[in-house]
Amino acid sequence: MSTPQNDFNAGVIEEFRANGGRVGGMLAGMPVLLLHHTGAKSGVARINPVAYIESGGDYVVVASKAGAPENPGWYHNLKAHPETEIELGSEKLSVTAHEATGEERDRLYRAVAEQLPQFAEYETKTDRVIPIIKLTPA
């Protein structure tokens, strides 16, 4: 069944691949990668466009779900299956997902919020600690 979020993601993925990793609309000017992940329960292969920053050779993504009370599905999938792939521009990379914790998480969240200010707002919309995931190239 198609949902508005699935339709949005499909459009972004198509635009990303057609334009060497560049997208417009609400994601215009934002660094975006395509995150491949496998369903923790279903085993179904999925892809989500996600904003990221680079830090120390890692690609850092935020499981913000725009400040929703729960983590996005891809977060749970990466916890179950951390070995995965990302697409950057026209390149595909094998990566391992690791959750940052403590001071490292806080430092990375501040870095993300400095580069992508909307993430500072997401943190004010929820009571949960928004996870930071580091994607380390294999």
N, C-alpha and C. Protein backbone atom coordinates (compact mmCIF):
# COMPACT_ATOMS: atom_id res chain seq x y z
N MET A 1 0.84 -1.18 0.00
CA MET A 1 0.00 0.00 0.00
C MET A 1 0.89 1.24 0.00
N SER A 2 0.53 2.20 -0.79
CA SER A 2 1.28 3.43 -0.90
C SER A 2 0.82 4.43 0.15
N THR A 3 1.79 5.07 0.79
CA THR A 3 1.48 6.12 1.76
C THR A 3 2.10 7.42 1.26
N PRO A 4 1.64 8.56 1.77
CA PRO A 4 2.26 9.84 1.35
C PRO A 4 3.77 9.86 1.60
N GLN A 5 4.23 9.30 2.74
CA GLN A 5 5.67 9.27 3.03
C GLN A 5 6.41 8.40 2.03
N ASN A 6 5.85 7.23 1.70
CA ASN A 6 6.49 6.35 0.71
C ASN A 6 6.55 7.02 -0.65
N ASP A 7 5.46 7.72 -1.03
CA ASP A 7 5.45 8.43 -2.31
C ASP A 7 6.49 9.54 -2.32
N PHE A 8 6.60 10.29 -1.21
CA PHE A 8 7.60 11.35 -1.10
C PHE A 8 9.00 10.76 -1.25
N ASN A 9 9.29 9.70 -0.48
CA ASN A 9 10.62 9.07 -0.54
C ASN A 9 10.93 8.57 -1.93
N ALA A 10 9.95 7.94 -2.60
CA ALA A 10 10.18 7.42 -3.96
C ALA A 10 10.54 8.55 -4.91
N GLY A 11 9.86 9.70 -4.78
CA GLY A 11 10.16 10.85 -5.63
C GLY A 11 11.55 11.39 -5.38
N VAL A 12 11.94 11.47 -4.10
CA VAL A 12 13.28 11.97 -3.75
C VAL A 12 14.35 11.01 -4.27
N ILE A 13 14.12 9.72 -4.10
CA ILE A 13 15.09 8.72 -4.57
C ILE A 13 15.27 8.82 -6.08
N GLU A 14 14.18 8.95 -6.80
CA GLU A 14 14.24 9.08 -8.26
C GLU A 14 15.00 10.34 -8.66
N GLU A 15 14.70 11.46 -8.01
CA GLU A 15 15.38 12.72 -8.30
C GLU A 15 16.86 12.64 -7.95
N PHE A 16 17.19 12.04 -6.80
CA PHE A 16 18.56 11.86 -6.35
C PHE A 16 19.37 11.12 -7.41
N ARG A 17 18.83 10.01 -7.87
CA ARG A 17 19.55 9.17 -8.85
C ARG A 17 19.63 9.83 -10.22
N ALA A 18 18.64 10.60 -10.59
CA ALA A 18 18.65 11.28 -11.89
C ALA A 18 19.60 12.47 -11.92
N ASN A 19 19.92 13.04 -10.74
CA ASN A 19 20.71 14.27 -10.66
C ASN A 19 22.01 14.11 -9.90
N GLY A 20 22.57 12.92 -9.87
CA GLY A 20 23.87 12.71 -9.23
C GLY A 20 23.90 13.06 -7.76
N GLY A 21 22.77 12.84 -7.06
CA GLY A 21 22.73 13.07 -5.62
C GLY A 21 22.15 14.40 -5.20
N ARG A 22 21.79 15.24 -6.16
CA ARG A 22 21.19 16.54 -5.82
C ARG A 22 19.66 16.42 -5.86
N VAL A 23 19.01 17.05 -4.87
CA VAL A 23 17.55 17.05 -4.83
C VAL A 23 17.06 18.46 -4.56
N GLY A 24 15.81 18.70 -4.91
CA GLY A 24 15.21 20.01 -4.70
C GLY A 24 14.13 19.95 -3.65
N GLY A 25 13.16 20.82 -3.80
CA GLY A 25 12.04 20.86 -2.87
C GLY A 25 12.50 21.20 -1.46
N MET A 26 11.87 20.58 -0.48
CA MET A 26 12.20 20.89 0.92
C MET A 26 13.60 20.43 1.32
N LEU A 27 14.24 19.60 0.48
CA LEU A 27 15.60 19.13 0.76
C LEU A 27 16.66 19.87 -0.05
N ALA A 28 16.26 20.88 -0.80
CA ALA A 28 17.19 21.63 -1.65
C ALA A 28 18.34 22.20 -0.82
N GLY A 29 19.55 22.01 -1.32
CA GLY A 29 20.73 22.56 -0.66
C GLY A 29 21.22 21.74 0.52
N MET A 30 20.50 20.71 0.87
CA MET A 30 20.87 19.87 2.01
C MET A 30 21.67 18.67 1.52
N PRO A 31 22.72 18.27 2.25
CA PRO A 31 23.43 17.05 1.85
C PRO A 31 22.53 15.85 2.16
N VAL A 32 22.25 15.04 1.13
CA VAL A 32 21.36 13.90 1.27
C VAL A 32 22.06 12.65 0.76
N LEU A 33 21.90 11.55 1.50
CA LEU A 33 22.36 10.26 1.03
C LEU A 33 21.17 9.32 1.00
N LEU A 34 21.31 8.23 0.26
CA LEU A 34 20.28 7.19 0.26
C LEU A 34 20.77 6.08 1.17
N LEU A 35 19.99 5.81 2.20
CA LEU A 35 20.32 4.82 3.22
C LEU A 35 19.58 3.52 2.91
N HIS A 36 20.35 2.49 2.61
CA HIS A 36 19.78 1.17 2.40
C HIS A 36 19.70 0.48 3.75
N HIS A 37 18.62 -0.23 4.01
CA HIS A 37 18.48 -0.97 5.28
C HIS A 37 17.52 -2.13 5.07
N THR A 38 17.65 -3.11 5.94
CA THR A 38 16.84 -4.32 5.86
C THR A 38 15.91 -4.36 7.05
N GLY A 39 14.63 -4.63 6.80
CA GLY A 39 13.63 -4.67 7.86
C GLY A 39 14.04 -5.62 8.99
N ALA A 40 14.00 -5.13 10.21
CA ALA A 40 14.41 -5.92 11.38
C ALA A 40 13.53 -7.16 11.53
N LYS A 41 12.25 -7.02 11.28
CA LYS A 41 11.32 -8.15 11.40
C LYS A 41 10.99 -8.77 10.06
N SER A 42 10.78 -7.92 9.05
CA SER A 42 10.31 -8.40 7.75
C SER A 42 11.42 -8.94 6.86
N GLY A 43 12.64 -8.42 7.03
CA GLY A 43 13.73 -8.79 6.14
C GLY A 43 13.64 -8.11 4.78
N VAL A 44 12.70 -7.19 4.62
CA VAL A 44 12.49 -6.50 3.35
C VAL A 44 13.54 -5.40 3.18
N ALA A 45 14.14 -5.34 1.97
CA ALA A 45 15.12 -4.28 1.66
C ALA A 45 14.38 -2.97 1.46
N ARG A 46 14.92 -1.91 2.07
CA ARG A 46 14.30 -0.59 2.00
C ARG A 46 15.38 0.47 1.74
N ILE A 47 14.93 1.63 1.28
CA ILE A 47 15.82 2.77 1.04
C ILE A 47 15.12 4.03 1.54
N ASN A 48 15.86 4.85 2.28
CA ASN A 48 15.34 6.14 2.72
C ASN A 48 16.34 7.23 2.39
N PRO A 49 15.86 8.36 1.85
CA PRO A 49 16.72 9.53 1.72
C PRO A 49 16.88 10.16 3.11
N VAL A 50 18.13 10.49 3.48
CA VAL A 50 18.38 11.07 4.80
C VAL A 50 19.43 12.17 4.68
N ALA A 51 19.22 13.25 5.42
CA ALA A 51 20.23 14.31 5.50
C ALA A 51 21.40 13.79 6.33
N TYR A 52 22.59 14.30 6.04
CA TYR A 52 23.79 13.84 6.76
C TYR A 52 24.81 14.96 6.84
N ILE A 53 25.77 14.74 7.73
CA ILE A 53 27.00 15.54 7.74
C ILE A 53 28.16 14.56 7.76
N GLU A 54 29.33 15.04 7.40
CA GLU A 54 30.53 14.21 7.48
C GLU A 54 31.29 14.60 8.75
N SER A 55 31.86 13.58 9.40
CA SER A 55 32.65 13.82 10.61
C SER A 55 33.70 12.72 10.74
N GLY A 56 34.96 13.10 10.63
CA GLY A 56 36.05 12.16 10.82
C GLY A 56 36.01 10.95 9.92
N GLY A 57 35.57 11.12 8.69
CA GLY A 57 35.49 10.01 7.75
C GLY A 57 34.19 9.22 7.81
N ASP A 58 33.33 9.55 8.78
CA ASP A 58 32.04 8.89 8.90
C ASP A 58 30.96 9.80 8.32
N TYR A 59 29.85 9.18 7.98
CA TYR A 59 28.65 9.91 7.57
C TYR A 59 27.69 9.82 8.74
N VAL A 60 27.25 10.97 9.23
CA VAL A 60 26.44 11.04 10.44
C VAL A 60 25.00 11.37 10.06
N VAL A 61 24.08 10.50 10.50
CA VAL A 61 22.66 10.70 10.25
C VAL A 61 21.92 10.75 11.59
N VAL A 62 20.78 11.41 11.58
CA VAL A 62 20.03 11.66 12.80
C VAL A 62 18.68 10.96 12.70
N ALA A 63 18.35 10.14 13.67
CA ALA A 63 17.06 9.43 13.69
C ALA A 63 16.00 10.33 14.33
N SER A 64 15.78 11.49 13.72
CA SER A 64 14.91 12.51 14.33
C SER A 64 13.43 12.26 14.06
N LYS A 65 13.11 11.76 12.89
CA LYS A 65 11.72 11.63 12.45
C LYS A 65 10.99 12.96 12.68
N ALA A 66 11.72 14.06 12.40
CA ALA A 66 11.22 15.43 12.53
C ALA A 66 10.68 15.75 13.92
N GLY A 67 11.23 15.08 14.94
CA GLY A 67 10.81 15.35 16.32
C GLY A 67 9.63 14.52 16.78
N ALA A 68 9.27 13.49 16.03
CA ALA A 68 8.16 12.60 16.43
C ALA A 68 8.51 11.89 17.73
N PRO A 69 7.51 11.37 18.44
CA PRO A 69 7.78 10.72 19.73
C PRO A 69 8.52 9.38 19.60
N GLU A 70 8.56 8.80 18.40
CA GLU A 70 9.25 7.52 18.22
C GLU A 70 10.34 7.64 17.16
N ASN A 71 11.28 6.72 17.23
CA ASN A 71 12.37 6.68 16.25
C ASN A 71 11.84 6.20 14.90
N PRO A 72 12.51 6.60 13.81
CA PRO A 72 12.09 6.11 12.49
C PRO A 72 12.39 4.62 12.36
N GLY A 73 11.66 3.96 11.49
CA GLY A 73 11.85 2.53 11.27
C GLY A 73 13.28 2.18 10.88
N TRP A 74 13.92 3.04 10.09
CA TRP A 74 15.27 2.71 9.64
C TRP A 74 16.25 2.60 10.81
N TYR A 75 15.99 3.32 11.90
CA TYR A 75 16.85 3.23 13.08
C TYR A 75 16.83 1.80 13.63
N HIS A 76 15.64 1.25 13.82
CA HIS A 76 15.50 -0.12 14.34
C HIS A 76 16.12 -1.13 13.38
N ASN A 77 15.96 -0.88 12.09
CA ASN A 77 16.52 -1.79 11.09
C ASN A 77 18.05 -1.79 11.12
N LEU A 78 18.65 -0.60 11.29
CA LEU A 78 20.12 -0.54 11.37
C LEU A 78 20.64 -1.18 12.65
N LYS A 79 19.89 -1.08 13.73
CA LYS A 79 20.31 -1.74 14.98
C LYS A 79 20.33 -3.26 14.78
N ALA A 80 19.37 -3.78 14.03
CA ALA A 80 19.29 -5.22 13.79
C ALA A 80 20.27 -5.67 12.71
N HIS A 81 20.50 -4.82 11.72
CA HIS A 81 21.37 -5.16 10.58
C HIS A 81 22.31 -3.99 10.29
N PRO A 82 23.39 -3.83 11.07
CA PRO A 82 24.25 -2.65 10.91
C PRO A 82 25.12 -2.63 9.66
N GLU A 83 25.35 -3.77 9.04
CA GLU A 83 26.14 -3.80 7.80
C GLU A 83 25.21 -3.47 6.65
N THR A 84 25.49 -2.37 5.95
CA THR A 84 24.57 -1.93 4.90
C THR A 84 25.29 -1.12 3.83
N GLU A 85 24.54 -0.40 3.03
CA GLU A 85 25.10 0.44 1.98
C GLU A 85 24.43 1.81 2.01
N ILE A 86 25.16 2.79 1.50
CA ILE A 86 24.60 4.10 1.26
C ILE A 86 24.94 4.50 -0.17
N GLU A 87 24.16 5.43 -0.70
CA GLU A 87 24.46 6.03 -1.99
C GLU A 87 24.77 7.50 -1.75
N LEU A 88 25.91 7.93 -2.28
CA LEU A 88 26.34 9.33 -2.23
C LEU A 88 26.58 9.74 -3.67
N GLY A 89 25.80 10.68 -4.16
CA GLY A 89 25.92 11.03 -5.57
C GLY A 89 25.64 9.79 -6.40
N SER A 90 26.55 9.44 -7.28
CA SER A 90 26.37 8.24 -8.11
C SER A 90 27.18 7.07 -7.56
N GLU A 91 27.75 7.22 -6.37
CA GLU A 91 28.60 6.20 -5.76
C GLU A 91 27.83 5.42 -4.70
N LYS A 92 28.09 4.12 -4.62
CA LYS A 92 27.50 3.27 -3.58
C LYS A 92 28.63 2.79 -2.68
N LEU A 93 28.46 2.94 -1.36
CA LEU A 93 29.49 2.56 -0.39
C LEU A 93 28.94 1.55 0.61
N SER A 94 29.74 0.57 0.96
CA SER A 94 29.41 -0.34 2.07
C SER A 94 29.79 0.36 3.36
N VAL A 95 28.90 0.32 4.35
CA VAL A 95 29.13 0.99 5.63
C VAL A 95 28.66 0.09 6.77
N THR A 96 29.15 0.42 7.96
CA THR A 96 28.66 -0.19 9.19
C THR A 96 28.07 0.90 10.05
N ALA A 97 26.86 0.68 10.55
CA ALA A 97 26.16 1.66 11.38
C ALA A 97 26.49 1.44 12.85
N HIS A 98 26.82 2.52 13.54
CA HIS A 98 27.10 2.51 14.98
C HIS A 98 26.34 3.67 15.61
N GLU A 99 25.69 3.43 16.73
CA GLU A 99 25.01 4.52 17.42
C GLU A 99 26.00 5.25 18.32
N ALA A 100 26.06 6.55 18.19
CA ALA A 100 26.90 7.37 19.07
C ALA A 100 26.15 7.56 20.39
N THR A 101 26.90 7.55 21.49
CA THR A 101 26.28 7.72 22.80
C THR A 101 27.05 8.76 23.61
N GLY A 102 26.43 9.19 24.71
CA GLY A 102 27.10 10.09 25.65
C GLY A 102 27.58 11.38 25.02
N GLU A 103 28.80 11.78 25.39
CA GLU A 103 29.38 13.04 24.91
C GLU A 103 29.56 13.03 23.40
N GLU A 104 29.92 11.88 22.83
CA GLU A 104 30.07 11.82 21.38
C GLU A 104 28.74 12.12 20.69
N ARG A 105 27.65 11.54 21.19
CA ARG A 105 26.33 11.80 20.62
C ARG A 105 26.00 13.29 20.72
N ASP A 106 26.22 13.87 21.91
CA ASP A 106 25.91 15.27 22.12
C ASP A 106 26.73 16.17 21.20
N ARG A 107 28.02 15.88 21.07
CA ARG A 107 28.90 16.67 20.20
C ARG A 107 28.44 16.59 18.75
N LEU A 108 28.11 15.38 18.29
CA LEU A 108 27.67 15.20 16.91
C LEU A 108 26.32 15.86 16.66
N TYR A 109 25.42 15.78 17.65
CA TYR A 109 24.12 16.44 17.46
C TYR A 109 24.30 17.95 17.32
N ARG A 110 25.18 18.52 18.14
CA ARG A 110 25.45 19.97 18.03
C ARG A 110 26.03 20.29 16.64
N ALA A 111 26.92 19.45 16.16
CA ALA A 111 27.52 19.68 14.83
C ALA A 111 26.45 19.62 13.74
N VAL A 112 25.56 18.65 13.84
CA VAL A 112 24.47 18.55 12.86
C VAL A 112 23.60 19.79 12.93
N ALA A 113 23.20 20.20 14.14
CA ALA A 113 22.31 21.35 14.31
C ALA A 113 22.95 22.65 13.81
N GLU A 114 24.28 22.75 13.90
CA GLU A 114 24.97 23.93 13.37
C GLU A 114 24.88 23.97 11.85
N GLN A 115 25.05 22.81 11.21
CA GLN A 115 25.04 22.75 9.75
C GLN A 115 23.64 22.68 9.18
N LEU A 116 22.72 22.05 9.92
CA LEU A 116 21.34 21.85 9.47
C LEU A 116 20.41 22.29 10.60
N PRO A 117 20.13 23.60 10.71
CA PRO A 117 19.45 24.15 11.88
C PRO A 117 18.09 23.53 12.22
N GLN A 118 17.39 22.96 11.27
CA GLN A 118 16.09 22.38 11.58
C GLN A 118 16.20 21.24 12.60
N PHE A 119 17.37 20.61 12.70
CA PHE A 119 17.54 19.53 13.67
C PHE A 119 17.54 20.05 15.11
N ALA A 120 17.94 21.28 15.32
CA ALA A 120 17.85 21.88 16.66
C ALA A 120 16.38 22.00 17.06
N GLU A 121 15.53 22.35 16.10
CA GLU A 121 14.09 22.45 16.37
C GLU A 121 13.48 21.08 16.66
N TYR A 122 13.89 20.06 15.93
CA TYR A 122 13.32 18.71 16.14
C TYR A 122 13.53 18.26 17.58
N GLU A 123 14.68 18.60 18.15
CA GLU A 123 15.00 18.18 19.50
C GLU A 123 14.03 18.79 20.52
N THR A 124 13.50 19.96 20.22
CA THR A 124 12.56 20.61 21.15
C THR A 124 11.15 20.03 21.05
N LYS A 125 10.88 19.24 20.02
CA LYS A 125 9.53 18.71 19.80
C LYS A 125 9.29 17.36 20.47
N THR A 126 10.31 16.77 21.07
CA THR A 126 10.16 15.42 21.60
C THR A 126 10.83 15.29 22.97
N ASP A 127 10.36 14.32 23.73
CA ASP A 127 10.98 14.03 25.03
C ASP A 127 12.08 12.98 24.91
N ARG A 128 12.14 12.29 23.77
CA ARG A 128 13.15 11.24 23.63
C ARG A 128 14.51 11.85 23.27
N VAL A 129 15.56 11.12 23.58
CA VAL A 129 16.89 11.50 23.12
C VAL A 129 16.99 11.01 21.68
N ILE A 130 17.17 11.94 20.77
CA ILE A 130 17.21 11.58 19.35
C ILE A 130 18.55 10.90 19.04
N PRO A 131 18.50 9.68 18.51
CA PRO A 131 19.73 8.95 18.23
C PRO A 131 20.54 9.54 17.07
N ILE A 132 21.85 9.43 17.22
CA ILE A 132 22.80 9.78 16.18
C ILE A 132 23.45 8.48 15.71
N ILE A 133 23.45 8.26 14.40
CA ILE A 133 24.06 7.06 13.83
C ILE A 133 25.24 7.47 12.97
N LYS A 134 26.39 6.84 13.23
CA LYS A 134 27.58 7.03 12.42
C LYS A 134 27.64 5.88 11.41
N LEU A 135 27.80 6.22 10.16
CA LEU A 135 27.95 5.25 9.09
C LEU A 135 29.41 5.25 8.68
N THR A 136 30.11 4.20 9.06
CA THR A 136 31.55 4.11 8.83
C THR A 136 31.82 3.28 7.58
N PRO A 137 32.50 3.85 6.58
CA PRO A 137 32.82 3.08 5.38
C PRO A 137 33.62 1.84 5.71
N ALA A 138 33.29 0.76 5.01
CA ALA A 138 33.98 -0.54 5.26
C ALA A 138 35.39 -0.49 4.71
